[in-house]
C-alpha atoms as a PDB file:
ATOM      1  CA  MET A   1     -33.448  -5.741  46.791  1.00  0.00           C
ATOM      2  CA  GLU A   2     -33.440  -6.320  43.108  1.00  0.00           C
ATOM      3  CA  ASN A   3     -30.444  -9.045  43.470  1.00  0.00           C
ATOM      4  CA  ASP A   4     -32.361 -11.225  46.122  1.00  0.00           C
ATOM      5  CA  ILE A   5     -35.292 -10.210  44.094  1.00  0.00           C
ATOM      6  CA  ILE A   6     -33.154 -12.806  40.925  1.00  0.00           C
ATOM      7  CA  LYS A   7     -31.090 -15.390  42.800  1.00  0.00           C
ATOM      8  CA  SER A   8     -34.728 -16.573  43.636  1.00  0.00           C
ATOM      9  CA  TRP A   9     -36.743 -16.567  40.527  1.00  0.00           C
ATOM     10  CA  ASN A  10     -33.299 -18.262  39.539  1.00  0.00           C
ATOM     11  CA  LYS A  11     -33.531 -21.111  42.104  1.00  0.00           C
ATOM     12  CA  ASN A  12     -37.585 -21.542  41.511  1.00  0.00           C
ATOM     13  CA  ALA A  13     -36.787 -20.861  37.486  1.00  0.00           C
ATOM     14  CA  LEU A  14     -38.339 -24.492  37.050  1.00  0.00           C
ATOM     15  CA  GLU A  15     -40.619 -24.722  39.261  1.00  0.00           C
ATOM     16  CA  TRP A  16     -42.539 -21.842  38.021  1.00  0.00           C
ATOM     17  CA  ILE A  17     -42.788 -22.789  34.424  1.00  0.00           C
ATOM     18  CA  LYS A  18     -44.111 -26.323  35.693  1.00  0.00           C
ATOM     19  CA  VAL A  19     -46.914 -24.378  38.265  1.00  0.00           C
ATOM     20  CA  ILE A  20     -48.160 -22.445  34.923  1.00  0.00           C
ATOM     21  CA  ASP A  21     -47.922 -24.636  32.309  1.00  0.00           C
ATOM     22  CA  ASN A  22     -50.284 -27.191  34.496  1.00  0.00           C
ATOM     23  CA  ALA A  23     -52.683 -24.024  35.247  1.00  0.00           C
ATOM     24  CA  ASP A  24     -52.048 -24.249  38.923  1.00  0.00           C
ATOM     25  CA  ILE A  25     -52.936 -21.024  40.280  1.00  0.00           C
ATOM     26  CA  GLU A  26     -56.941 -20.723  40.294  1.00  0.00           C
ATOM     27  CA  SER A  27     -56.681 -16.777  39.977  1.00  0.00           C
ATOM     28  CA  ARG A  28     -55.438 -16.331  36.712  1.00  0.00           C
ATOM     29  CA  LYS A  29     -58.410 -17.556  34.957  1.00  0.00           C
ATOM     30  CA  PHE A  30     -59.179 -14.237  35.589  1.00  0.00           C
ATOM     31  CA  THR A  31     -56.533 -12.179  35.488  1.00  0.00           C
ATOM     32  CA  ASN A  32     -55.249 -13.840  32.529  1.00  0.00           C
ATOM     33  CA  LYS A  33     -58.211 -12.840  30.744  1.00  0.00           C
ATOM     34  CA  ALA A  34     -58.601  -8.652  32.055  1.00  0.00           C
ATOM     35  CA  ILE A  35     -55.338  -8.469  30.632  1.00  0.00           C
ATOM     36  CA  LEU A  36     -54.905  -9.365  27.873  1.00  0.00           C
ATOM     37  CA  ASP A  37     -59.208  -9.033  26.928  1.00  0.00           C
ATOM     38  CA  LEU A  38     -57.742  -5.043  27.847  1.00  0.00           C
ATOM     39  CA  ILE A  39     -54.949  -4.839  26.201  1.00  0.00           C
ATOM     40  CA  GLY A  40     -55.982  -7.511  23.293  1.00  0.00           C
ATOM     41  CA  ASN A  41     -58.879  -4.648  22.241  1.00  0.00           C
ATOM     42  CA  SER A  42     -56.872  -1.756  22.358  1.00  0.00           C
ATOM     43  CA  PRO A  43     -54.955   0.107  19.442  1.00  0.00           C
ATOM     44  CA  ALA A  44     -51.409  -0.652  20.975  1.00  0.00           C
ATOM     45  CA  ILE A  45     -50.180  -2.881  17.941  1.00  0.00           C
ATOM     46  CA  LYS A  46     -46.379  -2.187  18.567  1.00  0.00           C
ATOM     47  CA  ILE A  47     -45.485  -3.886  23.115  1.00  0.00           C
ATOM     48  CA  VAL A  48     -43.041  -4.568  25.598  1.00  0.00           C
ATOM     49  CA  ASP A  49     -43.819  -7.555  27.754  1.00  0.00           C
ATOM     50  CA  VAL A  50     -41.089  -5.780  31.179  1.00  0.00           C
ATOM     51  CA  GLY A  51     -40.730  -9.010  33.223  1.00  0.00           C
ATOM     52  CA  CYS A  52     -41.517 -11.567  30.469  1.00  0.00           C
ATOM     53  CA  GLY A  53     -41.437 -14.671  32.254  1.00  0.00           C
ATOM     54  CA  GLU A  54     -41.375 -17.802  30.439  1.00  0.00           C
ATOM     55  CA  GLY A  55     -43.582 -15.687  27.446  1.00  0.00           C
ATOM     56  CA  TRP A  56     -47.052 -16.752  27.960  1.00  0.00           C
ATOM     57  CA  LEU A  57     -48.139 -13.274  27.808  1.00  0.00           C
ATOM     58  CA  THR A  58     -46.032 -12.410  25.025  1.00  0.00           C
ATOM     59  CA  ARG A  59     -46.733 -15.205  23.171  1.00  0.00           C
ATOM     60  CA  SER A  60     -50.839 -14.891  23.736  1.00  0.00           C
ATOM     61  CA  LEU A  61     -50.449 -11.408  22.450  1.00  0.00           C
ATOM     62  CA  GLY A  62     -49.321 -12.154  19.342  1.00  0.00           C
ATOM     63  CA  THR A  63     -51.958 -14.605  18.980  1.00  0.00           C
ATOM     64  CA  MET A  64     -53.918 -11.804  18.773  1.00  0.00           C
ATOM     65  CA  GLY A  65     -52.328  -9.515  16.225  1.00  0.00           C
ATOM     66  CA  LYS A  66     -50.103  -7.929  18.387  1.00  0.00           C
ATOM     67  CA  PHE A  67     -45.989  -8.254  17.563  1.00  0.00           C
ATOM     68  CA  VAL A  68     -44.435  -7.828  21.325  1.00  0.00           C
ATOM     69  CA  VAL A  69     -41.289  -7.763  22.424  1.00  0.00           C
ATOM     70  CA  GLY A  70     -40.259  -9.714  25.935  1.00  0.00           C
ATOM     71  CA  LEU A  71     -37.814  -8.994  28.642  1.00  0.00           C
ATOM     72  CA  ASP A  72     -37.128 -10.981  31.836  1.00  0.00           C
ATOM     73  CA  ALA A  73     -33.039 -11.031  34.095  1.00  0.00           C
ATOM     74  CA  ILE A  74     -33.965 -14.500  34.214  1.00  0.00           C
ATOM     75  CA  PRO A  75     -32.179 -17.012  31.782  1.00  0.00           C
ATOM     76  CA  GLU A  76     -34.278 -19.588  32.410  1.00  0.00           C
ATOM     77  CA  LEU A  77     -37.090 -18.592  32.039  1.00  0.00           C
ATOM     78  CA  LEU A  78     -36.064 -16.619  28.411  1.00  0.00           C
ATOM     79  CA  GLU A  79     -34.874 -20.323  27.585  1.00  0.00           C
ATOM     80  CA  ASN A  80     -38.125 -21.572  27.889  1.00  0.00           C
ATOM     81  CA  ALA A  81     -40.444 -18.767  26.116  1.00  0.00           C
ATOM     82  CA  LYS A  82     -38.735 -19.579  23.513  1.00  0.00           C
ATOM     83  CA  ILE A  83     -38.852 -23.155  22.810  1.00  0.00           C
ATOM     84  CA  LYS A  84     -42.549 -22.363  23.399  1.00  0.00           C
ATOM     85  CA  GLY A  85     -43.102 -20.467  19.603  1.00  0.00           C
ATOM     86  CA  ASP A  86     -42.038 -18.297  18.161  1.00  0.00           C
ATOM     87  CA  GLY A  87     -41.545 -14.356  19.934  1.00  0.00           C
ATOM     88  CA  THR A  88     -38.655 -12.256  20.440  1.00  0.00           C
ATOM     89  CA  TYR A  89     -37.064 -12.388  23.591  1.00  0.00           C
ATOM     90  CA  TYR A  90     -34.134 -10.250  25.168  1.00  0.00           C
ATOM     91  CA  GLN A  91     -32.067  -9.985  28.639  1.00  0.00           C
ATOM     92  CA  MET A  92     -33.351  -7.041  31.184  1.00  0.00           C
ATOM     93  CA  SER A  93     -33.244  -6.684  34.452  1.00  0.00           C
ATOM     94  CA  TYR A  94     -34.785  -3.044  35.841  1.00  0.00           C
ATOM     95  CA  GLU A  95     -31.498  -1.730  36.760  1.00  0.00           C
ATOM     96  CA  ASP A  96     -30.625  -2.077  33.084  1.00  0.00           C
ATOM     97  CA  ILE A  97     -33.624   0.149  32.059  1.00  0.00           C
ATOM     98  CA  ILE A  98     -32.945   2.663  35.434  1.00  0.00           C
ATOM     99  CA  LEU A  99     -29.315   3.317  34.549  1.00  0.00           C
ATOM    100  CA  GLY A 100     -30.218   3.709  30.793  1.00  0.00           C
ATOM    101  CA  LYS A 101     -30.032   1.148  28.976  1.00  0.00           C
ATOM    102  CA  PRO A 102     -32.006   1.396  25.367  1.00  0.00           C
ATOM    103  CA  ILE A 103     -34.776  -0.906  25.059  1.00  0.00           C
ATOM    104  CA  PRO A 104     -34.484  -3.011  21.969  1.00  0.00           C
ATOM    105  CA  GLU A 105     -36.932  -1.951  19.364  1.00  0.00           C
ATOM    106  CA  SER A 106     -38.302   0.905  20.625  1.00  0.00           C
ATOM    107  CA  PRO A 107     -40.375   2.246  20.585  1.00  0.00           C
ATOM    108  CA  PHE A 108     -43.933   0.327  21.318  1.00  0.00           C
ATOM    109  CA  ASP A 109     -47.338   1.287  22.141  1.00  0.00           C
ATOM    110  CA  ALA A 110     -47.137  -0.219  24.741  1.00  0.00           C
ATOM    111  CA  ALA A 111     -45.802  -1.236  27.937  1.00  0.00           C
ATOM    112  CA  VAL A 112     -46.946  -4.132  30.109  1.00  0.00           C
ATOM    113  CA  PHE A 113     -45.621  -5.293  33.859  1.00  0.00           C
ATOM    114  CA  ASN A 114     -48.050  -8.236  34.653  1.00  0.00           C
ATOM    115  CA  PHE A 115     -47.276  -8.955  38.266  1.00  0.00           C
ATOM    116  CA  CYS A 116     -44.046  -8.907  38.476  1.00  0.00           C
ATOM    117  CA  LEU A 117     -42.845  -4.967  40.391  1.00  0.00           C
ATOM    118  CA  TYR A 118     -41.932  -6.437  43.586  1.00  0.00           C
ATOM    119  CA  GLN A 119     -39.692  -3.378  45.199  1.00  0.00           C
ATOM    120  CA  ARG A 120     -39.853  -0.055  47.088  1.00  0.00           C
ATOM    121  CA  GLU A 121     -37.003   2.032  45.707  1.00  0.00           C
ATOM    122  CA  GLY A 122     -36.410   3.194  41.684  1.00  0.00           C
ATOM    123  CA  LEU A 123     -39.944   1.767  40.561  1.00  0.00           C
ATOM    124  CA  SER A 124     -40.360   5.462  39.513  1.00  0.00           C
ATOM    125  CA  GLN A 125     -37.379   5.729  38.172  1.00  0.00           C
ATOM    126  CA  LEU A 126     -38.051   2.395  36.147  1.00  0.00           C
ATOM    127  CA  LEU A 127     -41.784   3.861  35.193  1.00  0.00           C
ATOM    128  CA  LYS A 128     -40.033   6.835  33.894  1.00  0.00           C
ATOM    129  CA  GLN A 129     -37.109   5.056  31.961  1.00  0.00           C
ATOM    130  CA  VAL A 130     -39.725   2.661  29.580  1.00  0.00           C
ATOM    131  CA  LYS A 131     -41.635   5.500  29.218  1.00  0.00           C
ATOM    132  CA  LYS A 132     -39.034   7.041  27.587  1.00  0.00           C
ATOM    133  CA  SER A 133     -39.794   4.047  25.059  1.00  0.00           C
ATOM    134  CA  LEU A 134     -42.713   4.618  24.301  1.00  0.00           C
ATOM    135  CA  SER A 135     -43.909   6.010  20.940  1.00  0.00           C
ATOM    136  CA  GLU A 136     -46.214   9.536  20.698  1.00  0.00           C
ATOM    137  CA  ASN A 137     -49.323   7.666  22.025  1.00  0.00           C
ATOM    138  CA  GLY A 138     -47.941   5.159  24.337  1.00  0.00           C
ATOM    139  CA  TYR A 139     -49.622   3.640  27.283  1.00  0.00           C
ATOM    140  CA  ILE A 140     -48.088   1.775  30.339  1.00  0.00           C
ATOM    141  CA  ALA A 141     -50.300  -1.399  31.600  1.00  0.00           C
ATOM    142  CA  ILE A 142     -49.723  -2.356  35.336  1.00  0.00           C
ATOM    143  CA  GLN A 143     -51.468  -5.224  36.700  1.00  0.00           C
ATOM    144  CA  THR A 144     -50.627  -5.809  40.207  1.00  0.00           C
ATOM    145  CA  LEU A 145     -52.671  -7.639  43.561  1.00  0.00           C
ATOM    146  CA  HIS A 146     -55.470  -5.270  44.477  1.00  0.00           C
ATOM    147  CA  PRO A 147     -54.743  -3.266  47.862  1.00  0.00           C
ATOM    148  CA  TYR A 148     -56.944  -5.346  48.944  1.00  0.00           C
ATOM    149  CA  PHE A 149     -54.849  -7.512  49.636  1.00  0.00           C
ATOM    150  CA  LEU A 150     -53.394  -6.091  53.664  1.00  0.00           C
ATOM    151  CA  LEU A 151     -56.683  -6.414  54.316  1.00  0.00           C
ATOM    152  CA  GLN A 152     -57.735  -9.729  53.086  1.00  0.00           C
ATOM    153  CA  ASN A 153     -54.410 -10.721  55.415  1.00  0.00           C
ATOM    154  CA  ASN A 154     -55.713  -9.512  58.372  1.00  0.00           C
ATOM    155  CA  LEU A 155     -52.376  -6.913  57.474  1.00  0.00           C
ATOM    156  CA  GLU A 156     -52.928  -2.845  58.625  1.00  0.00           C
ATOM    157  CA  TYR A 157     -53.739  -1.035  55.838  1.00  0.00           C
ATOM    158  CA  LYS A 158     -50.430   0.646  55.075  1.00  0.00           C
ATOM    159  CA  SER A 159     -47.679  -0.359  52.014  1.00  0.00           C
ATOM    160  CA  GLN A 160     -45.204  -2.907  53.814  1.00  0.00           C
ATOM    161  CA  TRP A 161     -42.893  -5.382  53.274  1.00  0.00           C
ATOM    162  CA  ILE A 162     -44.371  -8.365  52.608  1.00  0.00           C
ATOM    163  CA  ASN A 163     -42.231 -11.520  53.383  1.00  0.00           C
ATOM    164  CA  ASP A 164     -41.784 -14.726  51.077  1.00  0.00           C
ATOM    165  CA  SER A 165     -43.368 -13.744  47.519  1.00  0.00           C
ATOM    166  CA  TRP A 166     -44.318 -18.004  47.122  1.00  0.00           C
ATOM    167  CA  LYS A 167     -46.362 -18.171  50.578  1.00  0.00           C
ATOM    168  CA  GLY A 168     -49.531 -19.363  49.103  1.00  0.00           C
ATOM    169  CA  LEU A 169     -48.658 -20.607  45.703  1.00  0.00           C
ATOM    170  CA  PRO A 170     -48.879 -24.336  44.734  1.00  0.00           C
ATOM    171  CA  GLY A 171     -46.109 -26.007  43.963  1.00  0.00           C
ATOM    172  CA  ASN A 172     -42.560 -26.329  45.734  1.00  0.00           C
ATOM    173  CA  PHE A 173     -40.969 -22.806  45.757  1.00  0.00           C
ATOM    174  CA  SER A 174     -38.341 -22.060  48.542  1.00  0.00           C
ATOM    175  CA  ASP A 175     -36.020 -19.088  49.616  1.00  0.00           C
ATOM    176  CA  GLY A 176     -38.948 -16.543  48.358  1.00  0.00           C
ATOM    177  CA  HIS A 177     -37.496 -12.743  48.436  1.00  0.00           C
ATOM    178  CA  SER A 178     -39.593 -10.010  49.708  1.00  0.00           C
ATOM    179  CA  TRP A 179     -41.858  -7.695  48.023  1.00  0.00           C
ATOM    180  CA  TYR A 180     -43.424  -4.786  48.744  1.00  0.00           C
ATOM    181  CA  ALA A 181     -47.155  -4.551  49.149  1.00  0.00           C
ATOM    182  CA  ARG A 182     -48.469  -1.063  48.131  1.00  0.00           C
ATOM    183  CA  THR A 183     -51.715   1.510  49.330  1.00  0.00           C
ATOM    184  CA  PHE A 184     -53.470   3.065  45.991  1.00  0.00           C
ATOM    185  CA  GLU A 185     -51.680   5.926  47.646  1.00  0.00           C
ATOM    186  CA  SER A 186     -48.644   4.482  47.175  1.00  0.00           C
ATOM    187  CA  TRP A 187     -48.998   3.361  43.781  1.00  0.00           C
ATOM    188  CA  MET A 188     -50.150   7.618  42.913  1.00  0.00           C
ATOM    189  CA  SER A 189     -47.606   8.921  44.405  1.00  0.00           C
ATOM    190  CA  ALA A 190     -44.659   6.260  42.623  1.00  0.00           C
ATOM    191  CA  PHE A 191     -46.915   7.422  39.229  1.00  0.00           C
ATOM    192  CA  LYS A 192     -46.929  11.409  39.734  1.00  0.00           C
ATOM    193  CA  LYS A 193     -42.703  11.248  40.432  1.00  0.00           C
ATOM    194  CA  ALA A 194     -42.747   9.548  37.101  1.00  0.00           C
ATOM    195  CA  GLY A 195     -44.339  12.273  35.682  1.00  0.00           C
ATOM    196  CA  LEU A 196     -47.177   9.719  34.851  1.00  0.00           C
ATOM    197  CA  GLN A 197     -51.209  10.657  35.173  1.00  0.00           C
ATOM    198  CA  LEU A 198     -53.828   7.804  35.778  1.00  0.00           C
ATOM    199  CA  HIS A 199     -55.489   7.263  32.250  1.00  0.00           C
ATOM    200  CA  GLN A 200     -57.600   3.730  33.294  1.00  0.00           C
ATOM    201  CA  LEU A 201     -58.377   1.528  35.898  1.00  0.00           C
ATOM    202  CA  GLN A 202     -60.293  -1.813  36.087  1.00  0.00           C
ATOM    203  CA  GLU A 203     -60.443  -3.705  39.691  1.00  0.00           C
ATOM    204  CA  VAL A 204     -60.244  -7.448  38.799  1.00  0.00           C
ATOM    205  CA  THR A 205     -63.403  -9.758  40.741  1.00  0.00           C
ATOM    206  CA  ASN A 206     -63.471 -13.440  41.196  1.00  0.00           C
ATOM    207  CA  ASP A 207     -66.271 -15.508  41.187  1.00  0.00           C
ATOM    208  CA  ASP A 208     -67.198 -14.711  44.770  1.00  0.00           C
ATOM    209  CA  HIS A 209     -67.276 -10.833  43.658  1.00  0.00           C
ATOM    210  CA  LYS A 210     -63.450 -10.276  45.738  1.00  0.00           C
ATOM    211  CA  PRO A 211     -60.849  -8.196  44.278  1.00  0.00           C
ATOM    212  CA  ILE A 212     -57.613 -10.503  43.479  1.00  0.00           C
ATOM    213  CA  SER A 213     -56.218  -7.595  41.337  1.00  0.00           C
ATOM    214  CA  ILE A 214     -55.762  -4.419  39.467  1.00  0.00           C
ATOM    215  CA  ILE A 215     -54.757  -3.019  36.435  1.00  0.00           C
ATOM    216  CA  PHE A 216     -53.722   0.709  35.995  1.00  0.00           C
ATOM    217  CA  ILE A 217     -52.830   2.297  32.337  1.00  0.00           C
ATOM    218  CA  LEU A 218     -50.713   5.358  32.536  1.00  0.00           C
ATOM    219  CA  SER A 219     -49.572   7.883  30.087  1.00  0.00           C
ATOM    220  CA  GLU A 220     -48.320  11.240  30.054  1.00  0.00           C
END
């Protein structure tokens, strides 16, 4: 599954960069602010942005006085991130982390996954390994689509595979990978298996007061 995800991102990296640069995704004005407010106002100083993409979050947190390391598996996204500003970036896949490859510049006060967890299998193992790279009071922040997405799209409320991760987004994307949409129960189960506890939960809504994303803050 990870190979399909990486292939899709390699093929669509330039189009994604264009969409992000043009601020074409309307919901990001809510979700970006939410994750920046939460992490920016936390005491965490040294942060790893896992699945950083073209680096917008890494850069933004850097302007807030944080020291941020960005990780991603896609070379083209990392190259673009380095061009856009100062920052520390490393090419690293989830599989690398799961297999125990050390995350450079550990330990961190916080690790953030911002809309970049697509897989069904391996989530608990990934979180468990990332947890090892945190300082004593470190936390993991995950922002993902709100489970309300399932009902909004007339789907059964159960964890399930969704075809084409690019569907519904502006831009000329192709060969979208599947992604695994989780219910609250499924997320909680994965966290428990990783030895993590839910410390804080924030539901992000749009101007119509409909949930669009959720942020989980996790720690041991």
